[in-house]
Amino acid sequence: MTSLTQFPVPLLGFAAFSGTGKTTLIEQLIPLLIAQGLRVALVKHSHHDIDMDKPGKDSYRLRKAGASQVVLAGTHRSICFHEHEQAHDSQLSEQLALLNTKSLDLVLVEGYRDQAFPKIELHRSVLQKPFLYPTDTNIIGLVCDQAVNAGELPLFEFTQLQNIVTFILNQVIAVKSIKAVENK
């Protein structure tokens, strides 16, 4: 995959400064998207080191023994631990490569706000941070807690969940499907 635009499943990011409510909004949207029949994946970026494995467990011991990848397979889920040789801020394309795209209809992305792919910006006035959309042409919608003139950019309130879902279905899923047909 040379660019995010070539990813075989529609991608939609949620871009905002920390504390804006990205996780909360995505958590509310996922069940509504699933109710529409979509199979949804999520890639969440963290600037912190993560470790969900428990010391003493077999998977932890085998990973610490030097395995660069460990897949922990259970009856209800599988987890893939991928160790990077050197600490680095991972690229979205690296994380997308870990997904089984054949069983997905949509990938939501929390973070990676500087990457070029379609995103909805979240903005809370109380944080006194600048808007991202004036300098990011990849922002296709705005969820905001204040009245703002965003030009032709669709504007939603944080409580307008069903409107956001409809927007995602019409602007992200439908657009990707139309482009896939045009490229055949």
C-alpha atoms as a PDB file:
ATOM      1  CA  MET A   1       0.000   0.000   0.000  1.00  0.00           C
ATOM      2  CA  THR A   2       1.676   3.172  -1.163  1.00  0.00           C
ATOM      3  CA  SER A   3      -0.908   5.603   0.198  1.00  0.00           C
ATOM      4  CA  LEU A   4      -3.861   5.607   2.533  1.00  0.00           C
ATOM      5  CA  THR A   5      -6.167   6.340  -0.420  1.00  0.00           C
ATOM      6  CA  GLN A   6      -5.436   2.849  -1.767  1.00  0.00           C
ATOM      7  CA  PHE A   7      -6.552   1.082   1.398  1.00  0.00           C
ATOM      8  CA  PRO A   8      -9.287  -1.399   0.380  1.00  0.00           C
ATOM      9  CA  VAL A   9     -11.699  -0.435   3.180  1.00  0.00           C
ATOM     10  CA  PRO A  10     -13.109   3.046   3.827  1.00  0.00           C
ATOM     11  CA  LEU A  11     -11.081   4.941   6.437  1.00  0.00           C
ATOM     12  CA  LEU A  12     -12.435   7.683   8.658  1.00  0.00           C
ATOM     13  CA  GLY A  13     -10.376   9.481  11.233  1.00  0.00           C
ATOM     14  CA  PHE A  14     -11.392  11.518  14.242  1.00  0.00           C
ATOM     15  CA  ALA A  15      -8.940  14.358  14.718  1.00  0.00           C
ATOM     16  CA  ALA A  16      -8.762  16.635  17.742  1.00  0.00           C
ATOM     17  CA  PHE A  17      -6.601  17.770  20.576  1.00  0.00           C
ATOM     18  CA  SER A  18      -6.430  15.645  23.722  1.00  0.00           C
ATOM     19  CA  GLY A  19      -9.446  15.974  26.004  1.00  0.00           C
ATOM     20  CA  THR A  20     -11.899  16.796  23.232  1.00  0.00           C
ATOM     21  CA  GLY A  21     -13.872  13.553  23.531  1.00  0.00           C
ATOM     22  CA  LYS A  22     -12.702  11.463  20.585  1.00  0.00           C
ATOM     23  CA  THR A  23     -12.909   8.144  22.407  1.00  0.00           C
ATOM     24  CA  THR A  24     -16.311   8.938  23.922  1.00  0.00           C
ATOM     25  CA  LEU A  25     -17.803   9.930  20.562  1.00  0.00           C
ATOM     26  CA  ILE A  26     -16.364   6.885  18.773  1.00  0.00           C
ATOM     27  CA  GLU A  27     -17.630   4.634  21.565  1.00  0.00           C
ATOM     28  CA  GLN A  28     -21.138   6.018  20.977  1.00  0.00           C
ATOM     29  CA  LEU A  29     -20.919   5.779  17.176  1.00  0.00           C
ATOM     30  CA  ILE A  30     -19.656   2.189  16.884  1.00  0.00           C
ATOM     31  CA  PRO A  31     -22.895   0.488  18.051  1.00  0.00           C
ATOM     32  CA  LEU A  32     -24.937   2.736  15.734  1.00  0.00           C
ATOM     33  CA  LEU A  33     -22.710   1.865  12.768  1.00  0.00           C
ATOM     34  CA  ILE A  34     -22.919  -1.839  13.614  1.00  0.00           C
ATOM     35  CA  ALA A  35     -26.714  -1.520  13.768  1.00  0.00           C
ATOM     36  CA  GLN A  36     -26.492  -0.367  10.126  1.00  0.00           C
ATOM     37  CA  GLY A  37     -24.860  -3.713   9.276  1.00  0.00           C
ATOM     38  CA  LEU A  38     -21.274  -2.475   9.127  1.00  0.00           C
ATOM     39  CA  ARG A  39     -18.294  -4.465  10.347  1.00  0.00           C
ATOM     40  CA  VAL A  40     -16.134  -1.848  12.040  1.00  0.00           C
ATOM     41  CA  ALA A  41     -12.485  -1.865  13.101  1.00  0.00           C
ATOM     42  CA  LEU A  42     -10.660   0.760  15.101  1.00  0.00           C
ATOM     43  CA  VAL A  43      -7.050   1.888  15.099  1.00  0.00           C
ATOM     44  CA  LYS A  44      -6.212   4.082  18.087  1.00  0.00           C
ATOM     45  CA  HIS A  45      -2.935   5.943  18.224  1.00  0.00           C
ATOM     46  CA  SER A  46      -1.175   6.494  21.529  1.00  0.00           C
ATOM     47  CA  HIS A  47       1.904   8.573  22.203  1.00  0.00           C
ATOM     48  CA  HIS A  48       2.636   6.356  25.217  1.00  0.00           C
ATOM     49  CA  ASP A  49       4.138   2.878  25.427  1.00  0.00           C
ATOM     50  CA  ILE A  50       1.432   0.225  25.692  1.00  0.00           C
ATOM     51  CA  ASP A  51       1.488  -3.216  27.244  1.00  0.00           C
ATOM     52  CA  MET A  52      -1.742  -5.138  27.756  1.00  0.00           C
ATOM     53  CA  ASP A  53      -0.006  -8.419  28.405  1.00  0.00           C
ATOM     54  CA  LYS A  54       0.346  -9.609  31.991  1.00  0.00           C
ATOM     55  CA  PRO A  55       3.747 -10.464  33.468  1.00  0.00           C
ATOM     56  CA  GLY A  56       4.005 -14.159  34.200  1.00  0.00           C
ATOM     57  CA  LYS A  57       1.484 -15.243  31.538  1.00  0.00           C
ATOM     58  CA  ASP A  58       2.747 -17.523  28.755  1.00  0.00           C
ATOM     59  CA  SER A  59       2.268 -14.905  26.014  1.00  0.00           C
ATOM     60  CA  TYR A  60       4.189 -12.327  28.060  1.00  0.00           C
ATOM     61  CA  ARG A  61       7.021 -14.777  28.753  1.00  0.00           C
ATOM     62  CA  LEU A  62       7.302 -15.783  25.080  1.00  0.00           C
ATOM     63  CA  ARG A  63       7.253 -12.163  23.916  1.00  0.00           C
ATOM     64  CA  LYS A  64       9.927 -11.237  26.465  1.00  0.00           C
ATOM     65  CA  ALA A  65      11.962 -14.242  25.299  1.00  0.00           C
ATOM     66  CA  GLY A  66      12.374 -12.431  21.984  1.00  0.00           C
ATOM     67  CA  ALA A  67       9.500 -13.342  19.664  1.00  0.00           C
ATOM     68  CA  SER A  68       8.907 -10.310  17.439  1.00  0.00           C
ATOM     69  CA  GLN A  69       5.236 -11.227  17.009  1.00  0.00           C
ATOM     70  CA  VAL A  70       2.986 -13.227  19.280  1.00  0.00           C
ATOM     71  CA  VAL A  71      -0.600 -14.095  18.426  1.00  0.00           C
ATOM     72  CA  LEU A  72      -2.655 -15.009  21.451  1.00  0.00           C
ATOM     73  CA  ALA A  73      -5.658 -16.937  20.116  1.00  0.00           C
ATOM     74  CA  GLY A  74      -8.696 -17.617  22.270  1.00  0.00           C
ATOM     75  CA  THR A  75     -12.242 -18.768  21.699  1.00  0.00           C
ATOM     76  CA  HIS A  76     -13.681 -15.242  21.388  1.00  0.00           C
ATOM     77  CA  ARG A  77     -10.754 -13.107  20.218  1.00  0.00           C
ATOM     78  CA  SER A  78      -7.172 -13.069  19.032  1.00  0.00           C
ATOM     79  CA  ILE A  79      -4.537 -10.534  19.984  1.00  0.00           C
ATOM     80  CA  CYS A  80      -1.394  -9.875  17.979  1.00  0.00           C
ATOM     81  CA  PHE A  81       1.554  -8.414  19.834  1.00  0.00           C
ATOM     82  CA  HIS A  82       4.058  -6.880  17.445  1.00  0.00           C
ATOM     83  CA  GLU A  83       7.384  -5.759  18.884  1.00  0.00           C
ATOM     84  CA  HIS A  84       9.214  -2.959  17.087  1.00  0.00           C
ATOM     85  CA  GLU A  85      12.981  -3.370  16.867  1.00  0.00           C
ATOM     86  CA  GLN A  86      13.454   0.272  17.810  1.00  0.00           C
ATOM     87  CA  ALA A  87      11.065   2.644  19.517  1.00  0.00           C
ATOM     88  CA  HIS A  88       9.352   4.853  16.956  1.00  0.00           C
ATOM     89  CA  ASP A  89       6.078   6.653  16.418  1.00  0.00           C
ATOM     90  CA  SER A  90       4.218   4.158  14.272  1.00  0.00           C
ATOM     91  CA  GLN A  91       2.686   5.137  10.964  1.00  0.00           C
ATOM     92  CA  LEU A  92      -0.992   4.537  10.278  1.00  0.00           C
ATOM     93  CA  SER A  93      -0.146   2.391   7.244  1.00  0.00           C
ATOM     94  CA  GLU A  94       1.836   0.015   9.502  1.00  0.00           C
ATOM     95  CA  GLN A  95      -1.165  -0.462  11.773  1.00  0.00           C
ATOM     96  CA  LEU A  96      -3.632  -0.869   8.917  1.00  0.00           C
ATOM     97  CA  ALA A  97      -1.480  -3.689   7.531  1.00  0.00           C
ATOM     98  CA  LEU A  98      -2.324  -5.695  10.679  1.00  0.00           C
ATOM     99  CA  LEU A  99      -6.061  -5.724   9.897  1.00  0.00           C
ATOM    100  CA  ASN A 100      -7.981  -8.484   8.118  1.00  0.00           C
ATOM    101  CA  THR A 101      -9.688  -6.234   5.580  1.00  0.00           C
ATOM    102  CA  LYS A 102     -11.788  -9.048   4.109  1.00  0.00           C
ATOM    103  CA  SER A 103     -14.018  -8.958   7.193  1.00  0.00           C
ATOM    104  CA  LEU A 104     -14.386  -5.166   7.418  1.00  0.00           C
ATOM    105  CA  ASP A 105     -16.623  -2.461   5.976  1.00  0.00           C
ATOM    106  CA  LEU A 106     -15.142   0.554   7.773  1.00  0.00           C
ATOM    107  CA  VAL A 107     -12.010   1.420   9.735  1.00  0.00           C
ATOM    108  CA  LEU A 108     -12.275   4.222  12.267  1.00  0.00           C
ATOM    109  CA  VAL A 109      -9.036   5.894  13.288  1.00  0.00           C
ATOM    110  CA  GLU A 110      -8.496   7.834  16.488  1.00  0.00           C
ATOM    111  CA  GLY A 111      -5.437  10.010  16.213  1.00  0.00           C
ATOM    112  CA  TYR A 112      -2.935  10.249  13.364  1.00  0.00           C
ATOM    113  CA  ARG A 113      -4.356  13.716  12.756  1.00  0.00           C
ATOM    114  CA  ASP A 114      -1.376  14.761  10.603  1.00  0.00           C
ATOM    115  CA  GLN A 115      -1.851  11.874   8.141  1.00  0.00           C
ATOM    116  CA  ALA A 116      -3.661  12.461   4.819  1.00  0.00           C
ATOM    117  CA  PHE A 117      -6.987  10.593   4.892  1.00  0.00           C
ATOM    118  CA  PRO A 118     -10.632  11.629   5.497  1.00  0.00           C
ATOM    119  CA  LYS A 119     -11.249  12.889   9.032  1.00  0.00           C
ATOM    120  CA  ILE A 120     -13.937  14.440  11.150  1.00  0.00           C
ATOM    121  CA  GLU A 121     -12.582  17.153  13.412  1.00  0.00           C
ATOM    122  CA  LEU A 122     -13.835  17.427  16.990  1.00  0.00           C
ATOM    123  CA  HIS A 123     -13.531  20.784  18.699  1.00  0.00           C
ATOM    124  CA  ARG A 124     -14.458  22.013  22.184  1.00  0.00           C
ATOM    125  CA  SER A 125     -14.257  25.740  22.823  1.00  0.00           C
ATOM    126  CA  VAL A 126     -13.369  25.257  26.511  1.00  0.00           C
ATOM    127  CA  LEU A 127      -9.964  23.836  25.493  1.00  0.00           C
ATOM    128  CA  GLN A 128      -9.070  27.066  23.678  1.00  0.00           C
ATOM    129  CA  LYS A 129      -7.237  25.206  20.910  1.00  0.00           C
ATOM    130  CA  PRO A 130      -7.206  26.253  17.261  1.00  0.00           C
ATOM    131  CA  PHE A 131      -9.430  24.591  14.674  1.00  0.00           C
ATOM    132  CA  LEU A 132      -7.659  22.074  12.440  1.00  0.00           C
ATOM    133  CA  TYR A 133      -9.904  22.336   9.369  1.00  0.00           C
ATOM    134  CA  PRO A 134      -8.521  25.642   8.029  1.00  0.00           C
ATOM    135  CA  THR A 135      -5.149  23.983   7.346  1.00  0.00           C
ATOM    136  CA  ASP A 136      -6.205  20.347   6.810  1.00  0.00           C
ATOM    137  CA  THR A 137      -7.984  19.687   3.519  1.00  0.00           C
ATOM    138  CA  ASN A 138      -8.672  16.085   4.615  1.00  0.00           C
ATOM    139  CA  ILE A 139     -11.242  17.179   7.201  1.00  0.00           C
ATOM    140  CA  ILE A 140     -14.679  16.379   5.784  1.00  0.00           C
ATOM    141  CA  GLY A 141     -16.864  17.246   8.785  1.00  0.00           C
ATOM    142  CA  LEU A 142     -16.791  19.137  12.065  1.00  0.00           C
ATOM    143  CA  VAL A 143     -18.263  18.173  15.437  1.00  0.00           C
ATOM    144  CA  CYS A 144     -18.285  21.256  17.601  1.00  0.00           C
ATOM    145  CA  ASP A 145     -19.863  22.708  20.750  1.00  0.00           C
ATOM    146  CA  GLN A 146     -20.235  26.234  19.379  1.00  0.00           C
ATOM    147  CA  ALA A 147     -21.655  28.015  16.358  1.00  0.00           C
ATOM    148  CA  VAL A 148     -18.963  28.430  13.754  1.00  0.00           C
ATOM    149  CA  ASN A 149     -18.891  29.402  10.091  1.00  0.00           C
ATOM    150  CA  ALA A 150     -17.014  26.472   8.598  1.00  0.00           C
ATOM    151  CA  GLY A 151     -17.932  27.237   4.997  1.00  0.00           C
ATOM    152  CA  GLU A 152     -19.328  24.162   3.227  1.00  0.00           C
ATOM    153  CA  LEU A 153     -17.981  21.802   5.874  1.00  0.00           C
ATOM    154  CA  PRO A 154     -20.843  19.832   7.479  1.00  0.00           C
ATOM    155  CA  LEU A 155     -21.257  20.857  11.121  1.00  0.00           C
ATOM    156  CA  PHE A 156     -22.588  18.583  13.893  1.00  0.00           C
ATOM    157  CA  GLU A 157     -23.140  18.891  17.612  1.00  0.00           C
ATOM    158  CA  PHE A 158     -21.697  16.176  19.865  1.00  0.00           C
ATOM    159  CA  THR A 159     -25.230  14.912  20.592  1.00  0.00           C
ATOM    160  CA  GLN A 160     -26.225  14.507  16.916  1.00  0.00           C
ATOM    161  CA  LEU A 161     -25.078  10.889  16.766  1.00  0.00           C
ATOM    162  CA  GLN A 162     -27.592   9.662  14.194  1.00  0.00           C
ATOM    163  CA  ASN A 163     -26.802  12.608  11.895  1.00  0.00           C
ATOM    164  CA  ILE A 164     -23.096  11.768  12.137  1.00  0.00           C
ATOM    165  CA  VAL A 165     -23.828   8.115  11.300  1.00  0.00           C
ATOM    166  CA  THR A 166     -25.896   9.159   8.277  1.00  0.00           C
ATOM    167  CA  PHE A 167     -23.042  11.425   7.167  1.00  0.00           C
ATOM    168  CA  ILE A 168     -20.561   8.530   7.504  1.00  0.00           C
ATOM    169  CA  LEU A 169     -22.812   6.223   5.476  1.00  0.00           C
ATOM    170  CA  ASN A 170     -23.350   8.812   2.726  1.00  0.00           C
ATOM    171  CA  GLN A 171     -19.938  10.459   2.571  1.00  0.00           C
ATOM    172  CA  VAL A 172     -17.474   7.739   3.528  1.00  0.00           C
ATOM    173  CA  ILE A 173     -19.003   4.335   2.771  1.00  0.00           C
ATOM    174  CA  ALA A 174     -20.913   5.412  -0.369  1.00  0.00           C
ATOM    175  CA  VAL A 175     -18.019   7.461  -1.790  1.00  0.00           C
ATOM    176  CA  LYS A 176     -15.549   4.571  -1.369  1.00  0.00           C
ATOM    177  CA  SER A 177     -18.024   2.170  -3.035  1.00  0.00           C
ATOM    178  CA  ILE A 178     -18.524   4.530  -5.997  1.00  0.00           C
ATOM    179  CA  LYS A 179     -14.743   4.948  -6.437  1.00  0.00           C
ATOM    180  CA  ALA A 180     -14.234   1.161  -6.294  1.00  0.00           C
ATOM    181  CA  VAL A 181     -16.787   0.662  -9.091  1.00  0.00           C
ATOM    182  CA  GLU A 182     -15.219   3.464 -11.185  1.00  0.00           C
ATOM    183  CA  ASN A 183     -11.756   1.854 -10.859  1.00  0.00           C
ATOM    184  CA  LYS A 184     -12.912  -1.541 -12.234  1.00  0.00           C
END
